[in-house]
Amino acid sequence: MWPWEHAIVAYLAYSLCCHIAFRKSPTGLEAFAVVFASVLPDLIDKPLAWEFGVFDSGYAIGHSIFFAVPLAILIGSIAHAATRPGVGLAFGLGYLSHLPADIIDSVFRQGVFQVELMLWPIAPVEGQPPGPGLLEGFFYFFDRYWSAVLAGDLSTYLLFQFGLAGVVLLVWLADGAPVLRESLHAGFRVTRAFLSRVLGLSRSNQPDRR
C-alpha cells in the first residue's frame, strides 16, 4: 500500500473516532500525528532494507506487531504525561492501522493472505530490494503504479481508493482542515506581530512636531 493510501485510511479512522467518541474534530497536532504514524513503518523498514541491506525486504521490525504495540504504548504514555492524550491515541491508531492495511492490500492486489507481514522476527518476509537504493526502489514501484493510472488500467480496488480519497478530502475540510488551519493561524500571528513592530518603530522614529 502506498504512503498516501495509509494516510487516507488512518486519518479517516481517527476522524471518525474523534466525532463518535469525543464529539470533536481532530486538532492539527493530532492530524499530523496520525498521518505521520501511518507511514512510519515504511520510513523505518524501506530505508533499512532497500538502502542499507539490513533486512531482506521492506517488511521487518517497523511492521512487526511485537514492535508496534510497545511503541504505541510508549508514545501514548508520553503524550498522556504531557496532557496530550489525543496525540498519543492518534499516533497509536495511525501506526497500528498500517499493519492490517498492508495485509488487506496484499489480499486484493495479489490474492495472497500474508499475515507474516507483521510477524517479524517470528516469520520474516523473504525478498530482495527492488533496486540498488531507496529512491530507485520507490521509483520502480511508482512507475508501475503511475503507468497503470495513465493507461486507464484501473482495478475496482484502485477506483475504490480514489473514491475514498475524495471522501477523506471532504471529511478533512469538514474538520476545519487541521494542520493547514493551525499553519495559517500561526502565519497570521507572525505577520501581525511583525507589522505591529514595524509600525511601532515607524511611529517612534517620527519627529515630535509639537
N, C-alpha and C. Protein backbone atom coordinates (compact mmCIF):
# COMPACT_ATOMS: atom_id res chain seq x y z
N MET A 1 0.85 -1.19 0.00
CA MET A 1 0.00 0.00 0.00
C MET A 1 0.89 1.24 0.00
N TRP A 2 0.50 2.24 -0.80
CA TRP A 2 1.29 3.46 -0.91
C TRP A 2 1.13 4.33 0.33
N PRO A 3 2.14 5.19 0.64
CA PRO A 3 2.06 6.03 1.84
C PRO A 3 0.80 6.87 1.90
N TRP A 4 0.40 7.47 0.78
CA TRP A 4 -0.80 8.31 0.83
C TRP A 4 -2.06 7.47 1.07
N GLU A 5 -2.04 6.22 0.69
CA GLU A 5 -3.18 5.35 0.96
C GLU A 5 -3.26 5.05 2.46
N HIS A 6 -2.11 4.80 3.09
CA HIS A 6 -2.09 4.60 4.54
C HIS A 6 -2.58 5.85 5.26
N ALA A 7 -2.13 7.02 4.79
CA ALA A 7 -2.53 8.28 5.42
C ALA A 7 -4.04 8.49 5.30
N ILE A 8 -4.61 8.16 4.16
CA ILE A 8 -6.05 8.31 3.94
C ILE A 8 -6.84 7.45 4.91
N VAL A 9 -6.46 6.19 5.01
CA VAL A 9 -7.16 5.25 5.89
C VAL A 9 -7.04 5.69 7.35
N ALA A 10 -5.82 6.06 7.75
CA ALA A 10 -5.59 6.42 9.15
C ALA A 10 -6.33 7.69 9.53
N TYR A 11 -6.30 8.70 8.67
CA TYR A 11 -6.98 9.96 9.01
C TYR A 11 -8.49 9.75 9.11
N LEU A 12 -9.04 9.01 8.17
CA LEU A 12 -10.49 8.76 8.20
C LEU A 12 -10.87 8.03 9.48
N ALA A 13 -10.09 7.01 9.86
CA ALA A 13 -10.39 6.24 11.07
C ALA A 13 -10.31 7.13 12.30
N TYR A 14 -9.28 7.99 12.37
CA TYR A 14 -9.14 8.82 13.56
C TYR A 14 -10.21 9.91 13.61
N SER A 15 -10.54 10.48 12.47
CA SER A 15 -11.58 11.50 12.45
C SER A 15 -12.92 10.92 12.91
N LEU A 16 -13.25 9.74 12.41
CA LEU A 16 -14.50 9.09 12.84
C LEU A 16 -14.46 8.79 14.33
N CYS A 17 -13.29 8.37 14.82
CA CYS A 17 -13.13 8.10 16.25
C CYS A 17 -13.37 9.36 17.07
N CYS A 18 -12.81 10.47 16.62
CA CYS A 18 -12.99 11.74 17.33
C CYS A 18 -14.45 12.16 17.38
N HIS A 19 -15.14 12.05 16.26
CA HIS A 19 -16.52 12.52 16.21
C HIS A 19 -17.45 11.59 16.99
N ILE A 20 -17.19 10.29 16.94
CA ILE A 20 -18.07 9.34 17.61
C ILE A 20 -17.81 9.31 19.12
N ALA A 21 -16.53 9.27 19.50
CA ALA A 21 -16.19 9.11 20.92
C ALA A 21 -16.08 10.43 21.67
N PHE A 22 -15.58 11.48 20.99
CA PHE A 22 -15.30 12.73 21.71
C PHE A 22 -16.13 13.92 21.23
N ARG A 23 -16.91 13.73 20.19
CA ARG A 23 -17.76 14.80 19.64
C ARG A 23 -16.94 16.02 19.25
N LYS A 24 -15.81 15.82 18.60
CA LYS A 24 -14.98 16.94 18.17
C LYS A 24 -14.19 16.54 16.93
N SER A 25 -13.59 17.53 16.31
CA SER A 25 -12.72 17.29 15.16
C SER A 25 -11.27 17.13 15.64
N PRO A 26 -10.43 16.47 14.86
CA PRO A 26 -9.02 16.35 15.23
C PRO A 26 -8.35 17.72 15.26
N THR A 27 -7.44 17.89 16.21
CA THR A 27 -6.62 19.10 16.22
C THR A 27 -5.51 18.94 15.18
N GLY A 28 -4.80 20.04 14.92
CA GLY A 28 -3.71 19.97 13.95
C GLY A 28 -2.63 19.00 14.37
N LEU A 29 -2.26 19.02 15.66
CA LEU A 29 -1.21 18.13 16.15
C LEU A 29 -1.65 16.68 16.06
N GLU A 30 -2.90 16.42 16.35
CA GLU A 30 -3.43 15.05 16.26
C GLU A 30 -3.45 14.57 14.81
N ALA A 31 -3.88 15.45 13.91
CA ALA A 31 -3.91 15.09 12.49
C ALA A 31 -2.51 14.80 11.98
N PHE A 32 -1.55 15.62 12.38
CA PHE A 32 -0.16 15.37 11.97
C PHE A 32 0.33 14.05 12.54
N ALA A 33 0.02 13.78 13.80
CA ALA A 33 0.49 12.55 14.45
C ALA A 33 -0.07 11.31 13.76
N VAL A 34 -1.35 11.32 13.44
CA VAL A 34 -1.95 10.12 12.85
C VAL A 34 -1.42 9.88 11.44
N VAL A 35 -1.21 10.94 10.67
CA VAL A 35 -0.68 10.78 9.31
C VAL A 35 0.78 10.34 9.35
N PHE A 36 1.58 11.00 10.20
CA PHE A 36 2.99 10.63 10.30
C PHE A 36 3.15 9.18 10.77
N ALA A 37 2.40 8.80 11.79
CA ALA A 37 2.50 7.43 12.31
C ALA A 37 2.05 6.41 11.29
N SER A 38 1.10 6.78 10.44
CA SER A 38 0.58 5.83 9.45
C SER A 38 1.61 5.45 8.41
N VAL A 39 2.61 6.30 8.18
CA VAL A 39 3.65 5.98 7.19
C VAL A 39 4.98 5.62 7.86
N LEU A 40 5.05 5.73 9.18
CA LEU A 40 6.31 5.48 9.89
C LEU A 40 6.86 4.06 9.70
N PRO A 41 6.03 3.01 9.68
CA PRO A 41 6.60 1.68 9.44
C PRO A 41 7.41 1.59 8.15
N ASP A 42 6.92 2.23 7.09
CA ASP A 42 7.67 2.24 5.83
C ASP A 42 8.92 3.11 5.93
N LEU A 43 8.83 4.21 6.68
CA LEU A 43 10.00 5.08 6.85
C LEU A 43 11.11 4.37 7.63
N ILE A 44 10.72 3.37 8.42
CA ILE A 44 11.71 2.59 9.16
C ILE A 44 12.28 1.46 8.31
N ASP A 45 11.39 0.65 7.74
CA ASP A 45 11.82 -0.59 7.09
C ASP A 45 12.37 -0.42 5.68
N LYS A 46 11.74 0.45 4.90
CA LYS A 46 12.18 0.58 3.49
C LYS A 46 13.63 1.06 3.39
N PRO A 47 14.03 2.12 4.09
CA PRO A 47 15.45 2.52 4.01
C PRO A 47 16.39 1.44 4.53
N LEU A 48 16.01 0.78 5.64
CA LEU A 48 16.89 -0.24 6.21
C LEU A 48 17.08 -1.41 5.25
N ALA A 49 16.03 -1.74 4.48
CA ALA A 49 16.12 -2.87 3.55
C ALA A 49 16.68 -2.45 2.20
N TRP A 50 16.11 -1.42 1.62
CA TRP A 50 16.46 -1.05 0.24
C TRP A 50 17.76 -0.27 0.13
N GLU A 51 18.07 0.53 1.17
CA GLU A 51 19.26 1.37 1.10
C GLU A 51 20.46 0.76 1.82
N PHE A 52 20.20 0.16 2.99
CA PHE A 52 21.31 -0.30 3.82
C PHE A 52 21.43 -1.83 3.89
N GLY A 53 20.44 -2.56 3.36
CA GLY A 53 20.52 -4.01 3.32
C GLY A 53 20.46 -4.69 4.66
N VAL A 54 19.86 -4.03 5.67
CA VAL A 54 19.75 -4.63 7.00
C VAL A 54 18.76 -5.79 6.97
N PHE A 55 17.67 -5.63 6.22
CA PHE A 55 16.65 -6.68 6.09
C PHE A 55 16.53 -7.10 4.64
N ASP A 56 15.96 -8.29 4.43
CA ASP A 56 15.79 -8.80 3.07
C ASP A 56 14.65 -8.10 2.34
N SER A 57 13.66 -7.64 3.07
CA SER A 57 12.50 -6.98 2.44
C SER A 57 12.11 -5.77 3.26
N GLY A 58 11.17 -5.00 2.72
CA GLY A 58 10.71 -3.80 3.40
C GLY A 58 9.66 -4.04 4.44
N TYR A 59 9.53 -5.28 4.90
CA TYR A 59 8.58 -5.62 5.96
C TYR A 59 9.34 -6.32 7.07
N ALA A 60 9.75 -5.54 8.07
CA ALA A 60 10.56 -6.13 9.13
C ALA A 60 10.15 -5.52 10.47
N ILE A 61 11.10 -4.97 11.21
CA ILE A 61 10.81 -4.51 12.56
C ILE A 61 9.74 -3.42 12.60
N GLY A 62 9.76 -2.49 11.66
CA GLY A 62 8.78 -1.41 11.67
C GLY A 62 7.37 -1.91 11.48
N HIS A 63 7.19 -3.02 10.78
CA HIS A 63 5.87 -3.59 10.52
C HIS A 63 5.49 -4.67 11.54
N SER A 64 6.37 -4.96 12.47
CA SER A 64 6.14 -6.06 13.41
C SER A 64 5.18 -5.65 14.52
N ILE A 65 4.20 -6.49 14.78
CA ILE A 65 3.26 -6.24 15.87
C ILE A 65 3.97 -6.23 17.21
N PHE A 66 5.11 -6.94 17.28
CA PHE A 66 5.88 -7.02 18.52
C PHE A 66 6.67 -5.74 18.80
N PHE A 67 6.83 -4.91 17.79
CA PHE A 67 7.44 -3.59 17.94
C PHE A 67 6.37 -2.50 17.99
N ALA A 68 5.34 -2.65 17.19
CA ALA A 68 4.32 -1.61 17.04
C ALA A 68 3.54 -1.38 18.32
N VAL A 69 3.12 -2.46 18.98
CA VAL A 69 2.31 -2.30 20.20
C VAL A 69 3.09 -1.62 21.32
N PRO A 70 4.31 -2.10 21.65
CA PRO A 70 5.08 -1.38 22.69
C PRO A 70 5.35 0.08 22.33
N LEU A 71 5.62 0.35 21.05
CA LEU A 71 5.87 1.73 20.64
C LEU A 71 4.63 2.60 20.83
N ALA A 72 3.47 2.06 20.45
CA ALA A 72 2.22 2.81 20.61
C ALA A 72 1.94 3.08 22.09
N ILE A 73 2.21 2.11 22.95
CA ILE A 73 2.01 2.29 24.39
C ILE A 73 2.97 3.34 24.94
N LEU A 74 4.23 3.28 24.50
CA LEU A 74 5.23 4.25 24.96
C LEU A 74 4.85 5.67 24.57
N ILE A 75 4.53 5.87 23.29
CA ILE A 75 4.17 7.21 22.83
C ILE A 75 2.88 7.68 23.50
N GLY A 76 1.94 6.75 23.68
CA GLY A 76 0.69 7.11 24.36
C GLY A 76 0.94 7.55 25.80
N SER A 77 1.85 6.88 26.48
CA SER A 77 2.17 7.23 27.87
C SER A 77 2.84 8.60 27.94
N ILE A 78 3.77 8.85 27.01
CA ILE A 78 4.44 10.15 26.98
C ILE A 78 3.44 11.27 26.68
N ALA A 79 2.55 11.03 25.72
CA ALA A 79 1.55 12.04 25.36
C ALA A 79 0.59 12.30 26.52
N HIS A 80 0.22 11.24 27.25
CA HIS A 80 -0.68 11.41 28.39
C HIS A 80 -0.01 12.21 29.49
N ALA A 81 1.28 11.93 29.73
CA ALA A 81 2.01 12.68 30.75
C ALA A 81 2.15 14.14 30.36
N ALA A 82 2.17 14.41 29.07
CA ALA A 82 2.28 15.78 28.57
C ALA A 82 0.91 16.43 28.39
N THR A 83 -0.12 15.80 28.92
CA THR A 83 -1.51 16.26 28.83
C THR A 83 -1.96 16.41 27.38
N ARG A 84 -1.47 15.51 26.53
CA ARG A 84 -1.89 15.47 25.13
C ARG A 84 -2.35 14.05 24.78
N PRO A 85 -3.35 13.52 25.49
CA PRO A 85 -3.75 12.13 25.25
C PRO A 85 -4.24 11.88 23.83
N GLY A 86 -4.86 12.89 23.23
CA GLY A 86 -5.36 12.73 21.87
C GLY A 86 -4.24 12.48 20.88
N VAL A 87 -3.09 13.09 21.11
CA VAL A 87 -1.95 12.90 20.22
C VAL A 87 -1.44 11.47 20.34
N GLY A 88 -1.40 10.95 21.57
CA GLY A 88 -0.98 9.56 21.77
C GLY A 88 -1.93 8.58 21.11
N LEU A 89 -3.22 8.85 21.22
CA LEU A 89 -4.21 7.99 20.58
C LEU A 89 -4.08 8.05 19.06
N ALA A 90 -3.88 9.26 18.54
CA ALA A 90 -3.73 9.42 17.10
C ALA A 90 -2.50 8.67 16.59
N PHE A 91 -1.39 8.77 17.31
CA PHE A 91 -0.18 8.07 16.90
C PHE A 91 -0.40 6.56 16.91
N GLY A 92 -0.97 6.06 18.00
CA GLY A 92 -1.19 4.61 18.11
C GLY A 92 -2.12 4.08 17.03
N LEU A 93 -3.21 4.82 16.79
CA LEU A 93 -4.16 4.37 15.76
C LEU A 93 -3.51 4.42 14.38
N GLY A 94 -2.76 5.49 14.11
CA GLY A 94 -2.12 5.61 12.80
C GLY A 94 -1.11 4.51 12.56
N TYR A 95 -0.27 4.26 13.56
CA TYR A 95 0.76 3.24 13.39
C TYR A 95 0.16 1.84 13.27
N LEU A 96 -0.75 1.51 14.17
CA LEU A 96 -1.32 0.17 14.18
C LEU A 96 -2.23 -0.09 12.98
N SER A 97 -2.79 0.97 12.38
CA SER A 97 -3.63 0.77 11.20
C SER A 97 -2.80 0.35 9.99
N HIS A 98 -1.52 0.68 10.00
CA HIS A 98 -0.64 0.37 8.86
C HIS A 98 -0.52 -1.14 8.66
N LEU A 99 -0.44 -1.88 9.76
CA LEU A 99 -0.14 -3.31 9.67
C LEU A 99 -1.26 -4.10 8.99
N PRO A 100 -2.50 -4.05 9.48
CA PRO A 100 -3.56 -4.79 8.80
C PRO A 100 -3.87 -4.24 7.41
N ALA A 101 -3.62 -2.93 7.20
CA ALA A 101 -3.87 -2.36 5.88
C ALA A 101 -2.98 -3.01 4.83
N ASP A 102 -1.72 -3.28 5.17
CA ASP A 102 -0.82 -3.95 4.23
C ASP A 102 -1.28 -5.37 3.93
N ILE A 103 -1.80 -6.04 4.94
CA ILE A 103 -2.28 -7.41 4.74
C ILE A 103 -3.51 -7.42 3.84
N ILE A 104 -4.43 -6.50 4.09
CA ILE A 104 -5.64 -6.40 3.25
C ILE A 104 -5.25 -6.04 1.82
N ASP A 105 -4.28 -5.14 1.68
CA ASP A 105 -3.82 -4.74 0.36
C ASP A 105 -3.24 -5.93 -0.40
N SER A 106 -2.49 -6.80 0.28
CA SER A 106 -1.90 -7.97 -0.39
C SER A 106 -2.98 -8.95 -0.83
N VAL A 107 -4.08 -9.00 -0.09
CA VAL A 107 -5.19 -9.89 -0.48
C VAL A 107 -5.83 -9.40 -1.77
N PHE A 108 -6.11 -8.10 -1.86
CA PHE A 108 -6.80 -7.56 -3.02
C PHE A 108 -5.88 -7.43 -4.24
N ARG A 109 -4.63 -7.06 -4.02
CA ARG A 109 -3.73 -6.85 -5.16
C ARG A 109 -3.12 -8.15 -5.67
N GLN A 110 -2.78 -9.05 -4.74
CA GLN A 110 -2.06 -10.26 -5.12
C GLN A 110 -2.85 -11.54 -4.87
N GLY A 111 -3.96 -11.43 -4.15
CA GLY A 111 -4.75 -12.62 -3.85
C GLY A 111 -4.07 -13.53 -2.85
N VAL A 112 -3.20 -12.94 -2.00
CA VAL A 112 -2.45 -13.72 -1.02
C VAL A 112 -2.66 -13.11 0.36
N PHE A 113 -2.97 -13.96 1.34
CA PHE A 113 -3.15 -13.51 2.72
C PHE A 113 -1.81 -13.65 3.42
N GLN A 114 -1.11 -12.52 3.62
CA GLN A 114 0.25 -12.54 4.16
C GLN A 114 0.28 -11.98 5.58
N VAL A 115 -0.17 -12.76 6.53
CA VAL A 115 -0.16 -12.32 7.91
C VAL A 115 1.27 -12.16 8.42
N GLU A 116 2.22 -12.83 7.75
CA GLU A 116 3.62 -12.74 8.17
C GLU A 116 4.19 -11.34 7.99
N LEU A 117 3.47 -10.46 7.27
CA LEU A 117 3.94 -9.10 7.09
C LEU A 117 4.12 -8.38 8.43
N MET A 118 3.40 -8.82 9.45
CA MET A 118 3.52 -8.15 10.75
C MET A 118 4.01 -9.09 11.85
N LEU A 119 4.71 -10.16 11.47
CA LEU A 119 5.17 -11.14 12.46
C LEU A 119 6.68 -11.24 12.56
N TRP A 120 7.42 -10.25 12.08
CA TRP A 120 8.87 -10.26 12.24
C TRP A 120 9.20 -10.18 13.73
N PRO A 121 10.17 -10.93 14.28
CA PRO A 121 11.12 -11.83 13.60
C PRO A 121 10.68 -13.29 13.59
N ILE A 122 9.45 -13.58 14.07
CA ILE A 122 8.99 -14.97 14.11
C ILE A 122 8.83 -15.53 12.71
N ALA A 123 8.25 -14.72 11.81
CA ALA A 123 8.03 -15.16 10.43
C ALA A 123 8.51 -14.06 9.49
N PRO A 124 9.83 -13.90 9.32
CA PRO A 124 10.34 -12.83 8.45
C PRO A 124 9.92 -13.02 7.01
N VAL A 125 9.67 -11.91 6.34
CA VAL A 125 9.26 -11.93 4.94
C VAL A 125 10.50 -12.00 4.06
N GLU A 126 10.54 -12.97 3.19
CA GLU A 126 11.68 -13.11 2.30
C GLU A 126 11.49 -12.22 1.07
N GLY A 127 12.58 -11.80 0.50
CA GLY A 127 12.52 -10.97 -0.69
C GLY A 127 13.88 -10.37 -0.97
N GLN A 128 13.88 -9.43 -1.88
CA GLN A 128 15.10 -8.72 -2.21
C GLN A 128 14.76 -7.30 -2.62
N PRO A 129 15.67 -6.35 -2.40
CA PRO A 129 15.39 -4.95 -2.75
C PRO A 129 15.05 -4.81 -4.22
N PRO A 130 14.09 -3.93 -4.57
CA PRO A 130 13.68 -3.76 -5.97
C PRO A 130 14.68 -2.96 -6.79
N GLY A 131 15.69 -2.38 -6.15
CA GLY A 131 16.68 -1.59 -6.87
C GLY A 131 17.93 -1.44 -6.02
N PRO A 132 18.90 -0.74 -6.53
CA PRO A 132 20.16 -0.58 -5.80
C PRO A 132 20.08 0.43 -4.66
N GLY A 133 18.97 1.10 -4.48
CA GLY A 133 18.85 2.08 -3.42
C GLY A 133 17.40 2.42 -3.13
N LEU A 134 17.19 3.27 -2.12
CA LEU A 134 15.83 3.61 -1.71
C LEU A 134 15.06 4.34 -2.80
N LEU A 135 15.65 5.35 -3.41
CA LEU A 135 14.96 6.11 -4.45
C LEU A 135 14.68 5.25 -5.67
N GLU A 136 15.64 4.41 -6.04
CA GLU A 136 15.44 3.52 -7.19
C GLU A 136 14.29 2.56 -6.93
N GLY A 137 14.22 2.03 -5.70
CA GLY A 137 13.13 1.12 -5.35
C GLY A 137 11.78 1.81 -5.38
N PHE A 138 11.75 3.04 -4.86
CA PHE A 138 10.49 3.79 -4.86
C PHE A 138 10.01 4.06 -6.28
N PHE A 139 10.91 4.55 -7.13
CA PHE A 139 10.51 4.89 -8.50
C PHE A 139 10.18 3.65 -9.32
N TYR A 140 10.77 2.52 -8.97
CA TYR A 140 10.44 1.27 -9.67
C TYR A 140 8.96 0.94 -9.48
N PHE A 141 8.50 1.00 -8.23
CA PHE A 141 7.10 0.69 -7.96
C PHE A 141 6.18 1.83 -8.40
N PHE A 142 6.64 3.09 -8.23
CA PHE A 142 5.79 4.23 -8.60
C PHE A 142 5.56 4.28 -10.10
N ASP A 143 6.58 3.94 -10.88
CA ASP A 143 6.42 3.93 -12.34
C ASP A 143 5.35 2.92 -12.75
N ARG A 144 5.34 1.77 -12.11
CA ARG A 144 4.32 0.76 -12.42
C ARG A 144 2.93 1.26 -12.04
N TYR A 145 2.85 1.89 -10.88
CA TYR A 145 1.57 2.42 -10.41
C TYR A 145 1.05 3.52 -11.34
N TRP A 146 1.91 4.49 -11.66
CA TRP A 146 1.51 5.62 -12.47
C TRP A 146 1.22 5.20 -13.90
N SER A 147 1.95 4.23 -14.41
CA SER A 147 1.69 3.73 -15.77
C SER A 147 0.30 3.13 -15.87
N ALA A 148 -0.10 2.40 -14.83
CA ALA A 148 -1.45 1.81 -14.82
C ALA A 148 -2.51 2.90 -14.78
N VAL A 149 -2.25 3.97 -14.01
CA VAL A 149 -3.22 5.07 -13.93
C VAL A 149 -3.34 5.78 -15.27
N LEU A 150 -2.20 6.10 -15.90
CA LEU A 150 -2.22 6.81 -17.18
C LEU A 150 -2.83 5.98 -18.29
N ALA A 151 -2.64 4.67 -18.20
CA ALA A 151 -3.19 3.79 -19.23
C ALA A 151 -4.68 3.52 -19.03
N GLY A 152 -5.23 4.00 -17.92
CA GLY A 152 -6.63 3.76 -17.64
C GLY A 152 -6.91 2.36 -17.17
N ASP A 153 -5.85 1.65 -16.78
CA ASP A 153 -5.99 0.28 -16.31
C ASP A 153 -6.28 0.30 -14.81
N LEU A 154 -7.48 0.75 -14.46
CA LEU A 154 -7.84 0.94 -13.06
C LEU A 154 -8.68 -0.23 -12.58
N SER A 155 -8.16 -0.92 -11.57
CA SER A 155 -8.90 -2.02 -10.98
C SER A 155 -10.02 -1.47 -10.10
N THR A 156 -10.94 -2.34 -9.71
CA THR A 156 -12.01 -1.94 -8.80
C THR A 156 -11.43 -1.44 -7.49
N TYR A 157 -10.38 -2.10 -7.04
CA TYR A 157 -9.73 -1.72 -5.79
C TYR A 157 -9.13 -0.31 -5.89
N LEU A 158 -8.50 0.00 -7.02
CA LEU A 158 -7.90 1.32 -7.21
C LEU A 158 -8.98 2.39 -7.31
N LEU A 159 -10.06 2.08 -8.00
CA LEU A 159 -11.17 3.03 -8.09
C LEU A 159 -11.78 3.30 -6.71
N PHE A 160 -11.85 2.25 -5.90
CA PHE A 160 -12.35 2.41 -4.53
C PHE A 160 -11.44 3.34 -3.74
N GLN A 161 -10.14 3.19 -3.93
CA GLN A 161 -9.19 4.04 -3.21
C GLN A 161 -9.31 5.51 -3.64
N PHE A 162 -9.51 5.74 -4.93
CA PHE A 162 -9.71 7.11 -5.40
C PHE A 162 -10.98 7.70 -4.79
N GLY A 163 -12.03 6.89 -4.74
CA GLY A 163 -13.27 7.36 -4.14
C GLY A 163 -13.09 7.66 -2.66
N LEU A 164 -12.33 6.79 -1.97
CA LEU A 164 -12.08 7.00 -0.55
C LEU A 164 -11.26 8.28 -0.33
N ALA A 165 -10.34 8.56 -1.24
CA ALA A 165 -9.54 9.78 -1.14
C ALA A 165 -10.44 11.01 -1.23
N GLY A 166 -11.43 10.96 -2.13
CA GLY A 166 -12.37 12.07 -2.24
C GLY A 166 -13.18 12.25 -0.97
N VAL A 167 -13.60 11.14 -0.38
CA VAL A 167 -14.37 11.20 0.87
C VAL A 167 -13.52 11.82 1.99
N VAL A 168 -12.27 11.37 2.08
CA VAL A 168 -11.39 11.88 3.14
C VAL A 168 -11.12 13.37 2.96
N LEU A 169 -10.99 13.83 1.72
CA LEU A 169 -10.80 15.25 1.47
C LEU A 169 -11.99 16.05 2.01
N LEU A 170 -13.19 15.56 1.76
CA LEU A 170 -14.38 16.24 2.27
C LEU A 170 -14.43 16.21 3.78
N VAL A 171 -14.06 15.07 4.37
CA VAL A 171 -14.04 14.95 5.84
C VAL A 171 -13.02 15.92 6.43
N TRP A 172 -11.84 15.98 5.81
CA TRP A 172 -10.80 16.89 6.29
C TRP A 172 -11.25 18.34 6.23
N LEU A 173 -11.91 18.73 5.16
CA LEU A 173 -12.44 20.09 5.04
C LEU A 173 -13.52 20.34 6.09
N ALA A 174 -14.39 19.35 6.30
CA ALA A 174 -15.44 19.48 7.31
C ALA A 174 -14.85 19.58 8.71
N ASP A 175 -13.68 18.97 8.92
CA ASP A 175 -12.99 19.04 10.21
C ASP A 175 -12.31 20.39 10.42
N GLY A 176 -12.33 21.23 9.41
CA GLY A 176 -11.69 22.53 9.51
C GLY A 176 -10.29 22.57 8.96
N ALA A 177 -9.93 21.57 8.14
CA ALA A 177 -8.60 21.50 7.53
C ALA A 177 -7.48 21.56 8.57
N PRO A 178 -7.48 20.64 9.55
CA PRO A 178 -6.42 20.67 10.57
C PRO A 178 -5.04 20.57 9.95
N VAL A 179 -4.07 21.14 10.61
CA VAL A 179 -2.68 21.35 10.20
C VAL A 179 -2.61 22.59 9.33
N LEU A 180 -3.36 22.61 8.21
CA LEU A 180 -3.39 23.82 7.40
C LEU A 180 -3.99 24.97 8.19
N ARG A 181 -5.04 24.69 8.95
CA ARG A 181 -5.70 25.71 9.77
C ARG A 181 -4.71 26.30 10.78
N GLU A 182 -4.01 25.44 11.50
CA GLU A 182 -3.06 25.92 12.50
C GLU A 182 -1.88 26.65 11.86
N SER A 183 -1.46 26.18 10.69
CA SER A 183 -0.35 26.84 10.00
C SER A 183 -0.74 28.24 9.56
N LEU A 184 -1.96 28.39 9.05
CA LEU A 184 -2.43 29.72 8.63
C LEU A 184 -2.58 30.65 9.83
N HIS A 185 -3.11 30.12 10.94
CA HIS A 185 -3.25 30.94 12.13
C HIS A 185 -1.89 31.41 12.63
N ALA A 186 -0.91 30.49 12.63
CA ALA A 186 0.44 30.86 13.07
C ALA A 186 1.04 31.90 12.13
N GLY A 187 0.82 31.73 10.83
CA GLY A 187 1.32 32.71 9.87
C GLY A 187 0.71 34.08 10.07
N PHE A 188 -0.59 34.11 10.34
CA PHE A 188 -1.26 35.39 10.58
C PHE A 188 -0.73 36.06 11.84
N ARG A 189 -0.50 35.26 12.89
CA ARG A 189 0.01 35.83 14.14
C ARG A 189 1.41 36.42 13.95
N VAL A 190 2.25 35.68 13.24
CA VAL A 190 3.61 36.17 13.00
C VAL A 190 3.58 37.44 12.15
N THR A 191 2.74 37.44 11.11
CA THR A 191 2.64 38.62 10.24
C THR A 191 2.11 39.82 11.01
N ARG A 192 1.10 39.60 11.84
CA ARG A 192 0.53 40.71 12.61
C ARG A 192 1.54 41.26 13.61
N ALA A 193 2.28 40.36 14.26
CA ALA A 193 3.29 40.80 15.21
C ALA A 193 4.39 41.59 14.50
N PHE A 194 4.77 41.11 13.32
CA PHE A 194 5.82 41.79 12.55
C PHE A 194 5.36 43.18 12.13
N LEU A 195 4.12 43.26 11.61
CA LEU A 195 3.61 44.55 11.16
C LEU A 195 3.45 45.52 12.34
N SER A 196 3.02 44.99 13.47
CA SER A 196 2.86 45.84 14.65
C SER A 196 4.20 46.40 15.09
N ARG A 197 5.22 45.55 15.02
CA ARG A 197 6.55 46.01 15.42
C ARG A 197 7.08 47.05 14.44
N VAL A 198 6.90 46.79 13.14
CA VAL A 198 7.37 47.75 12.14
C VAL A 198 6.65 49.08 12.26
N LEU A 199 5.33 49.03 12.42
CA LEU A 199 4.56 50.27 12.55
C LEU A 199 4.91 51.00 13.83
N GLY A 200 5.15 50.22 14.91
CA GLY A 200 5.52 50.83 16.17
C GLY A 200 6.86 51.53 16.08
N LEU A 201 7.83 50.91 15.39
CA LEU A 201 9.13 51.54 15.21
C LEU A 201 9.02 52.78 14.34
N SER A 202 8.13 52.69 13.31
CA SER A 202 7.95 53.83 12.41
C SER A 202 7.40 55.03 13.17
N ARG A 203 6.44 54.80 14.04
CA ARG A 203 5.85 55.90 14.81
C ARG A 203 6.86 56.49 15.79
N SER A 204 7.67 55.60 16.39
CA SER A 204 8.63 56.08 17.39
C SER A 204 9.74 56.91 16.74
N ASN A 205 9.97 56.70 15.45
CA ASN A 205 11.04 57.43 14.75
C ASN A 205 10.55 58.75 14.15
N GLN A 206 9.25 58.98 14.19
CA GLN A 206 8.72 60.24 13.67
C GLN A 206 9.09 61.39 14.60
N PRO A 207 9.48 62.56 14.06
CA PRO A 207 9.85 63.69 14.90
C PRO A 207 8.63 64.26 15.64
N ASP A 208 8.90 64.77 16.81
CA ASP A 208 7.84 65.39 17.61
C ASP A 208 7.58 66.80 17.06
N ARG A 209 6.37 67.06 16.53
CA ARG A 209 6.06 68.32 15.86
C ARG A 209 5.34 69.30 16.80
N ARG A 210 5.28 68.98 18.07
CA ARG A 210 4.62 69.91 18.97
C ARG A 210 5.44 71.19 19.16
